[in-house]
Amino acid sequence: MYYLGVSKRPCNACTSFIAASNTHSDRTFYTRGSHGKWHFPWALPPNVNQEVLSAFRDSVGDCIADMLLETPPGDAFGTAYFADDEEEAEVLGVGRAGHVVGEREGM
């Protein structure tokens, strides 16, 4: 077991990379946890093993899918979602296309 001492908690990309590396190494690295944010641009270190790269992609894909599932419609990037008719609008809890249903605070 190896502890990586860092001054700040690592981002999600670094945490995902460490986890992917751990799955394909005889060493296991730990940190004190992630702060749960994504920082861009972010780059992989050079000469990453293909198995680690594949595990990293899977991990990041899972994280992104989880974020999308947790984000209510219309809140991800200030995007408004609209239904085509009244029934769909009621089921989805969104407004109908072409109708103003209210403004978000601060917009």
C-alpha atoms as a PDB file:
ATOM      1  CA  MET A   1       0.000   0.000   0.000  1.00  0.00           C
ATOM      2  CA  TYR A   2       1.387   3.383  -1.054  1.00  0.00           C
ATOM      3  CA  TYR A   3       0.026   6.747   0.030  1.00  0.00           C
ATOM      4  CA  LEU A   4       0.289   9.701  -2.371  1.00  0.00           C
ATOM      5  CA  GLY A   5       0.620  12.846  -0.306  1.00  0.00           C
ATOM      6  CA  VAL A   6      -0.795  15.864  -2.107  1.00  0.00           C
ATOM      7  CA  SER A   7      -1.496  19.406  -0.909  1.00  0.00           C
ATOM      8  CA  LYS A   8      -5.075  19.352  -2.212  1.00  0.00           C
ATOM      9  CA  ARG A   9      -7.507  16.535  -2.795  1.00  0.00           C
ATOM     10  CA  PRO A  10      -7.262  15.236  -6.369  1.00  0.00           C
ATOM     11  CA  CYS A  11      -9.891  15.916  -9.011  1.00  0.00           C
ATOM     12  CA  ASN A  12     -12.159  13.203 -10.427  1.00  0.00           C
ATOM     13  CA  ALA A  13      -9.893  12.641 -13.433  1.00  0.00           C
ATOM     14  CA  CYS A  14      -6.820  12.064 -11.240  1.00  0.00           C
ATOM     15  CA  THR A  15      -8.798   9.813  -8.893  1.00  0.00           C
ATOM     16  CA  SER A  16     -10.086   7.794 -11.862  1.00  0.00           C
ATOM     17  CA  PHE A  17      -6.574   7.475 -13.264  1.00  0.00           C
ATOM     18  CA  ILE A  18      -5.171   6.278  -9.920  1.00  0.00           C
ATOM     19  CA  ALA A  19      -7.980   3.720  -9.603  1.00  0.00           C
ATOM     20  CA  ALA A  20      -7.384   2.494 -13.175  1.00  0.00           C
ATOM     21  CA  SER A  21      -3.650   2.224 -12.505  1.00  0.00           C
ATOM     22  CA  ASN A  22      -4.309   0.254  -9.330  1.00  0.00           C
ATOM     23  CA  THR A  23      -6.300  -2.367 -11.241  1.00  0.00           C
ATOM     24  CA  HIS A  24      -3.319  -3.149 -13.512  1.00  0.00           C
ATOM     25  CA  SER A  25      -0.386  -2.865 -11.123  1.00  0.00           C
ATOM     26  CA  ASP A  26       1.174  -4.842  -8.322  1.00  0.00           C
ATOM     27  CA  ARG A  27       1.137  -1.614  -6.281  1.00  0.00           C
ATOM     28  CA  THR A  28      -1.928   0.084  -4.818  1.00  0.00           C
ATOM     29  CA  PHE A  29      -1.873   3.845  -4.407  1.00  0.00           C
ATOM     30  CA  TYR A  30      -4.147   5.806  -2.099  1.00  0.00           C
ATOM     31  CA  THR A  31      -4.916   9.487  -1.553  1.00  0.00           C
ATOM     32  CA  ARG A  32      -7.070  11.179   1.033  1.00  0.00           C
ATOM     33  CA  GLY A  33     -10.007  11.215  -1.396  1.00  0.00           C
ATOM     34  CA  SER A  34     -11.259  13.407  -4.202  1.00  0.00           C
ATOM     35  CA  HIS A  35     -12.907  16.816  -3.993  1.00  0.00           C
ATOM     36  CA  GLY A  36     -15.389  15.544  -6.599  1.00  0.00           C
ATOM     37  CA  LYS A  37     -14.805  18.166  -9.292  1.00  0.00           C
ATOM     38  CA  TRP A  38     -13.601  17.934 -12.882  1.00  0.00           C
ATOM     39  CA  HIS A  39     -10.892  20.292 -14.140  1.00  0.00           C
ATOM     40  CA  PHE A  40     -10.257  20.890 -17.810  1.00  0.00           C
ATOM     41  CA  PRO A  41      -8.025  20.757 -19.658  1.00  0.00           C
ATOM     42  CA  TRP A  42      -6.644  17.582 -18.117  1.00  0.00           C
ATOM     43  CA  ALA A  43      -4.222  15.173 -19.771  1.00  0.00           C
ATOM     44  CA  LEU A  44      -3.053  11.654 -19.129  1.00  0.00           C
ATOM     45  CA  PRO A  45       0.606  11.135 -18.345  1.00  0.00           C
ATOM     46  CA  PRO A  46       2.699  10.044 -21.343  1.00  0.00           C
ATOM     47  CA  ASN A  47       3.166   6.351 -22.215  1.00  0.00           C
ATOM     48  CA  VAL A  48       0.107   5.026 -20.398  1.00  0.00           C
ATOM     49  CA  ASN A  49      -0.354   1.258 -20.590  1.00  0.00           C
ATOM     50  CA  GLN A  50      -3.281   0.348 -22.884  1.00  0.00           C
ATOM     51  CA  GLU A  51      -5.006  -1.704 -20.160  1.00  0.00           C
ATOM     52  CA  VAL A  52      -4.818   1.263 -17.775  1.00  0.00           C
ATOM     53  CA  LEU A  53      -6.089   3.574 -20.526  1.00  0.00           C
ATOM     54  CA  SER A  54      -9.063   1.303 -21.176  1.00  0.00           C
ATOM     55  CA  ALA A  55      -9.885   1.056 -17.450  1.00  0.00           C
ATOM     56  CA  PHE A  56      -9.569   4.856 -17.156  1.00  0.00           C
ATOM     57  CA  ARG A  57     -11.976   5.421 -20.060  1.00  0.00           C
ATOM     58  CA  ASP A  58     -14.488   3.039 -18.491  1.00  0.00           C
ATOM     59  CA  SER A  59     -14.201   4.785 -15.133  1.00  0.00           C
ATOM     60  CA  VAL A  60     -14.620   8.268 -16.611  1.00  0.00           C
ATOM     61  CA  GLY A  61     -17.552   7.068 -18.721  1.00  0.00           C
ATOM     62  CA  ASP A  62     -19.227   5.676 -15.604  1.00  0.00           C
ATOM     63  CA  CYS A  63     -18.654   8.962 -13.739  1.00  0.00           C
ATOM     64  CA  ILE A  64     -20.143  11.004 -16.567  1.00  0.00           C
ATOM     65  CA  ALA A  65     -23.142   8.671 -16.834  1.00  0.00           C
ATOM     66  CA  ASP A  66     -23.708   8.988 -13.077  1.00  0.00           C
ATOM     67  CA  MET A  67     -23.560  12.789 -13.293  1.00  0.00           C
ATOM     68  CA  LEU A  68     -26.058  12.858 -16.153  1.00  0.00           C
ATOM     69  CA  LEU A  69     -28.448  10.593 -14.277  1.00  0.00           C
ATOM     70  CA  GLU A  70     -28.246  12.783 -11.162  1.00  0.00           C
ATOM     71  CA  THR A  71     -28.795  16.096 -13.005  1.00  0.00           C
ATOM     72  CA  PRO A  72     -32.437  17.173 -13.329  1.00  0.00           C
ATOM     73  CA  PRO A  73     -33.512  18.205 -16.850  1.00  0.00           C
ATOM     74  CA  GLY A  74     -32.776  21.827 -17.603  1.00  0.00           C
ATOM     75  CA  ASP A  75     -30.155  22.238 -14.893  1.00  0.00           C
ATOM     76  CA  ALA A  76     -27.002  20.718 -16.406  1.00  0.00           C
ATOM     77  CA  PHE A  77     -25.858  23.802 -18.308  1.00  0.00           C
ATOM     78  CA  GLY A  78     -28.829  26.111 -17.984  1.00  0.00           C
ATOM     79  CA  THR A  79     -30.432  24.257 -20.887  1.00  0.00           C
ATOM     80  CA  ALA A  80     -34.205  24.321 -21.180  1.00  0.00           C
ATOM     81  CA  TYR A  81     -36.013  21.148 -22.152  1.00  0.00           C
ATOM     82  CA  PHE A  82     -39.422  21.335 -23.803  1.00  0.00           C
ATOM     83  CA  ALA A  83     -42.087  18.794 -24.667  1.00  0.00           C
ATOM     84  CA  ASP A  84     -44.001  18.632 -27.933  1.00  0.00           C
ATOM     85  CA  ASP A  85     -47.469  18.581 -26.349  1.00  0.00           C
ATOM     86  CA  GLU A  86     -49.339  19.108 -23.057  1.00  0.00           C
ATOM     87  CA  GLU A  87     -49.395  15.414 -22.107  1.00  0.00           C
ATOM     88  CA  GLU A  88     -45.641  14.966 -22.596  1.00  0.00           C
ATOM     89  CA  ALA A  89     -44.990  18.200 -20.702  1.00  0.00           C
ATOM     90  CA  GLU A  90     -46.976  16.945 -17.731  1.00  0.00           C
ATOM     91  CA  VAL A  91     -45.224  13.548 -17.710  1.00  0.00           C
ATOM     92  CA  LEU A  92     -41.746  15.060 -18.010  1.00  0.00           C
ATOM     93  CA  GLY A  93     -42.406  18.027 -15.751  1.00  0.00           C
ATOM     94  CA  VAL A  94     -41.159  20.503 -18.358  1.00  0.00           C
ATOM     95  CA  GLY A  95     -42.692  23.276 -20.457  1.00  0.00           C
ATOM     96  CA  ARG A  96     -44.178  22.990 -23.934  1.00  0.00           C
ATOM     97  CA  ALA A  97     -42.128  24.155 -26.908  1.00  0.00           C
ATOM     98  CA  GLY A  98     -42.882  27.769 -27.748  1.00  0.00           C
ATOM     99  CA  HIS A  99     -44.312  28.584 -24.305  1.00  0.00           C
ATOM    100  CA  VAL A 100     -42.490  30.483 -21.584  1.00  0.00           C
ATOM    101  CA  VAL A 101     -42.843  28.619 -18.289  1.00  0.00           C
ATOM    102  CA  GLY A 102     -40.777  30.912 -16.085  1.00  0.00           C
ATOM    103  CA  GLU A 103     -37.237  32.095 -15.643  1.00  0.00           C
ATOM    104  CA  ARG A 104     -34.534  30.653 -13.492  1.00  0.00           C
ATOM    105  CA  GLU A 105     -33.282  32.987 -10.817  1.00  0.00           C
ATOM    106  CA  GLY A 106     -30.252  34.993 -11.915  1.00  0.00           C
ATOM    107  CA  MET A 107     -30.812  34.551 -15.637  1.00  0.00           C
END
